[in-house]
Amino acid sequence: MPQTAPFSLLYVLAADDQLMFELKRLDVESDEPAKKYFWFHFNYHNNQLTPLTFSSMEEGETQRRAFAEGLLEFDTAQGTYTPQAATEPVKLRVPPAPQLPLRAEAAVRDYFGWQ
């Protein structure tokens, strides 16, 4: 049985076919946010984990995260993600008990080289 992965989930937003989430690495001590905080997109159809390239953020009632790959806007219940190449935004929901499905967690473990 693998050990608990050294991260905590900060945000999770889900659609039927995809998941977006931010995690904070607990195994890294650094003052550089880019070494500790990561946003990912996970595609359920092909189990593909894609790291998102963070650009900027706005906090408030509606949070906004800009990435090279698209724009994410969300509140405590729902959100939308508009990929750069898309014409329609993807509607997302905030799960009541945010956690990663096992296959998404396995992809994160592979990405960081955790056993």
C-alpha atoms as a PDB file:
ATOM      1  CA  MET A   1       0.000   0.000   0.000  1.00  0.00           C
ATOM      2  CA  PRO A   2       1.511   3.391  -0.993  1.00  0.00           C
ATOM      3  CA  GLN A   3       2.122   6.012   1.655  1.00  0.00           C
ATOM      4  CA  THR A   4       0.047   9.144   1.753  1.00  0.00           C
ATOM      5  CA  ALA A   5       1.238  11.521  -0.947  1.00  0.00           C
ATOM      6  CA  PRO A   6       3.004  14.614   0.453  1.00  0.00           C
ATOM      7  CA  PHE A   7       0.501  17.245  -0.690  1.00  0.00           C
ATOM      8  CA  SER A   8      -2.670  18.963   0.370  1.00  0.00           C
ATOM      9  CA  LEU A   9      -5.496  19.878  -1.978  1.00  0.00           C
ATOM     10  CA  LEU A  10      -6.354  23.565  -2.041  1.00  0.00           C
ATOM     11  CA  TYR A  11      -9.023  23.672  -4.765  1.00  0.00           C
ATOM     12  CA  VAL A  12     -10.865  20.986  -6.718  1.00  0.00           C
ATOM     13  CA  LEU A  13     -13.335  21.662  -9.535  1.00  0.00           C
ATOM     14  CA  ALA A  14     -14.958  18.857 -11.504  1.00  0.00           C
ATOM     15  CA  ALA A  15     -16.980  18.171 -14.622  1.00  0.00           C
ATOM     16  CA  ASP A  16     -18.177  14.768 -15.840  1.00  0.00           C
ATOM     17  CA  ASP A  17     -15.114  14.273 -18.030  1.00  0.00           C
ATOM     18  CA  GLN A  18     -12.408  16.375 -16.370  1.00  0.00           C
ATOM     19  CA  LEU A  19     -10.997  17.702 -13.145  1.00  0.00           C
ATOM     20  CA  MET A  20      -9.010  20.819 -12.273  1.00  0.00           C
ATOM     21  CA  PHE A  21      -7.184  21.160  -8.993  1.00  0.00           C
ATOM     22  CA  GLU A  22      -4.504  23.036  -7.101  1.00  0.00           C
ATOM     23  CA  LEU A  23      -2.202  21.318  -4.681  1.00  0.00           C
ATOM     24  CA  LYS A  24       0.464  22.409  -2.272  1.00  0.00           C
ATOM     25  CA  ARG A  25       3.514  20.193  -1.966  1.00  0.00           C
ATOM     26  CA  LEU A  26       4.322  19.400   1.666  1.00  0.00           C
ATOM     27  CA  ASP A  27       7.725  17.897   0.886  1.00  0.00           C
ATOM     28  CA  VAL A  28       9.241  21.171  -0.387  1.00  0.00           C
ATOM     29  CA  GLU A  29      10.535  23.996   1.764  1.00  0.00           C
ATOM     30  CA  SER A  30      10.857  27.092  -0.379  1.00  0.00           C
ATOM     31  CA  ASP A  31       9.830  30.724  -0.425  1.00  0.00           C
ATOM     32  CA  GLU A  32       9.135  30.395  -4.163  1.00  0.00           C
ATOM     33  CA  PRO A  33       5.426  29.681  -4.725  1.00  0.00           C
ATOM     34  CA  ALA A  34       6.132  28.022  -8.104  1.00  0.00           C
ATOM     35  CA  LYS A  35       8.020  25.255  -6.309  1.00  0.00           C
ATOM     36  CA  LYS A  36       5.217  24.522  -3.836  1.00  0.00           C
ATOM     37  CA  TYR A  37       1.907  25.280  -5.586  1.00  0.00           C
ATOM     38  CA  PHE A  38       0.677  23.511  -8.716  1.00  0.00           C
ATOM     39  CA  TRP A  39      -2.479  23.606 -10.814  1.00  0.00           C
ATOM     40  CA  PHE A  40      -3.400  20.567 -12.920  1.00  0.00           C
ATOM     41  CA  HIS A  41      -6.020  19.514 -15.440  1.00  0.00           C
ATOM     42  CA  PHE A  42      -6.957  15.808 -15.437  1.00  0.00           C
ATOM     43  CA  ASN A  43      -8.842  14.226 -18.340  1.00  0.00           C
ATOM     44  CA  TYR A  44     -10.924  11.194 -17.300  1.00  0.00           C
ATOM     45  CA  HIS A  45     -11.148   9.807 -20.852  1.00  0.00           C
ATOM     46  CA  ASN A  46      -7.430   9.185 -21.264  1.00  0.00           C
ATOM     47  CA  ASN A  47      -6.168   9.616 -17.667  1.00  0.00           C
ATOM     48  CA  GLN A  48      -3.935  12.454 -18.857  1.00  0.00           C
ATOM     49  CA  LEU A  49      -2.598  14.858 -16.242  1.00  0.00           C
ATOM     50  CA  THR A  50      -1.567  18.246 -17.622  1.00  0.00           C
ATOM     51  CA  PRO A  51       0.257  20.812 -15.493  1.00  0.00           C
ATOM     52  CA  LEU A  52      -1.121  24.313 -16.032  1.00  0.00           C
ATOM     53  CA  THR A  53       1.236  27.248 -16.519  1.00  0.00           C
ATOM     54  CA  PHE A  54       0.157  29.824 -13.942  1.00  0.00           C
ATOM     55  CA  SER A  55       0.115  33.486 -15.013  1.00  0.00           C
ATOM     56  CA  SER A  56      -1.953  35.459 -12.510  1.00  0.00           C
ATOM     57  CA  MET A  57      -4.768  35.358  -9.992  1.00  0.00           C
ATOM     58  CA  GLU A  58      -7.527  37.533  -8.577  1.00  0.00           C
ATOM     59  CA  GLU A  59      -9.224  36.768  -5.291  1.00  0.00           C
ATOM     60  CA  GLY A  60     -12.652  37.860  -4.156  1.00  0.00           C
ATOM     61  CA  GLU A  61     -16.158  36.429  -4.228  1.00  0.00           C
ATOM     62  CA  THR A  62     -15.277  35.042  -7.622  1.00  0.00           C
ATOM     63  CA  GLN A  63     -11.725  33.787  -7.900  1.00  0.00           C
ATOM     64  CA  ARG A  64      -9.840  33.968 -11.188  1.00  0.00           C
ATOM     65  CA  ARG A  65      -6.759  32.086 -12.254  1.00  0.00           C
ATOM     66  CA  ALA A  66      -5.129  32.831 -15.575  1.00  0.00           C
ATOM     67  CA  PHE A  67      -2.951  30.168 -17.159  1.00  0.00           C
ATOM     68  CA  ALA A  68      -1.133  30.012 -20.477  1.00  0.00           C
ATOM     69  CA  GLU A  69      -3.662  27.274 -21.330  1.00  0.00           C
ATOM     70  CA  GLY A  70      -6.840  29.189 -20.390  1.00  0.00           C
ATOM     71  CA  LEU A  71      -8.855  31.069 -17.766  1.00  0.00           C
ATOM     72  CA  LEU A  72     -10.480  29.569 -14.660  1.00  0.00           C
ATOM     73  CA  GLU A  73     -13.190  31.452 -12.742  1.00  0.00           C
ATOM     74  CA  PHE A  74     -14.859  29.947  -9.662  1.00  0.00           C
ATOM     75  CA  ASP A  75     -16.590  30.534  -6.362  1.00  0.00           C
ATOM     76  CA  THR A  76     -17.405  28.176  -3.500  1.00  0.00           C
ATOM     77  CA  ALA A  77     -19.954  26.156  -5.515  1.00  0.00           C
ATOM     78  CA  GLN A  78     -19.129  26.291  -9.215  1.00  0.00           C
ATOM     79  CA  GLY A  79     -16.808  27.570 -11.881  1.00  0.00           C
ATOM     80  CA  THR A  80     -15.945  27.748 -15.549  1.00  0.00           C
ATOM     81  CA  TYR A  81     -12.758  26.987 -17.404  1.00  0.00           C
ATOM     82  CA  THR A  82     -12.196  28.490 -20.825  1.00  0.00           C
ATOM     83  CA  PRO A  83      -9.274  26.846 -22.610  1.00  0.00           C
ATOM     84  CA  GLN A  84      -7.349  29.104 -25.008  1.00  0.00           C
ATOM     85  CA  ALA A  85      -8.457  27.052 -28.024  1.00  0.00           C
ATOM     86  CA  ALA A  86     -12.107  26.631 -26.965  1.00  0.00           C
ATOM     87  CA  THR A  87     -15.127  28.611 -28.027  1.00  0.00           C
ATOM     88  CA  GLU A  88     -17.276  27.426 -25.119  1.00  0.00           C
ATOM     89  CA  PRO A  89     -16.293  27.444 -21.441  1.00  0.00           C
ATOM     90  CA  VAL A  90     -16.401  24.174 -19.497  1.00  0.00           C
ATOM     91  CA  LYS A  91     -18.836  24.271 -16.579  1.00  0.00           C
ATOM     92  CA  LEU A  92     -17.349  22.938 -13.344  1.00  0.00           C
ATOM     93  CA  ARG A  93     -18.679  22.226  -9.868  1.00  0.00           C
ATOM     94  CA  VAL A  94     -16.950  22.253  -6.507  1.00  0.00           C
ATOM     95  CA  PRO A  95     -17.439  18.805  -4.925  1.00  0.00           C
ATOM     96  CA  PRO A  96     -18.818  18.747  -1.358  1.00  0.00           C
ATOM     97  CA  ALA A  97     -15.844  16.675  -0.143  1.00  0.00           C
ATOM     98  CA  PRO A  98     -12.904  17.555  -2.398  1.00  0.00           C
ATOM     99  CA  GLN A  99     -10.582  14.655  -3.044  1.00  0.00           C
ATOM    100  CA  LEU A 100      -8.783  13.191  -6.007  1.00  0.00           C
ATOM    101  CA  PRO A 101      -9.960   9.998  -7.666  1.00  0.00           C
ATOM    102  CA  LEU A 102      -7.355   7.254  -7.321  1.00  0.00           C
ATOM    103  CA  ARG A 103      -6.322   7.463 -10.980  1.00  0.00           C
ATOM    104  CA  ALA A 104      -5.753  11.229 -10.718  1.00  0.00           C
ATOM    105  CA  GLU A 105      -3.715  10.754  -7.538  1.00  0.00           C
ATOM    106  CA  ALA A 106      -1.675   8.050  -9.298  1.00  0.00           C
ATOM    107  CA  ALA A 107      -0.969  10.490 -12.140  1.00  0.00           C
ATOM    108  CA  VAL A 108       0.175  13.133  -9.614  1.00  0.00           C
ATOM    109  CA  ARG A 109       2.464  10.563  -7.960  1.00  0.00           C
ATOM    110  CA  ASP A 110       3.964   9.727 -11.350  1.00  0.00           C
ATOM    111  CA  TYR A 111       4.384  13.414 -12.225  1.00  0.00           C
ATOM    112  CA  PHE A 112       6.375  14.148  -9.065  1.00  0.00           C
ATOM    113  CA  GLY A 113       8.142  10.765  -8.958  1.00  0.00           C
ATOM    114  CA  TRP A 114       6.556   9.731  -5.650  1.00  0.00           C
ATOM    115  CA  GLN A 115       6.202   6.018  -4.913  1.00  0.00           C
END
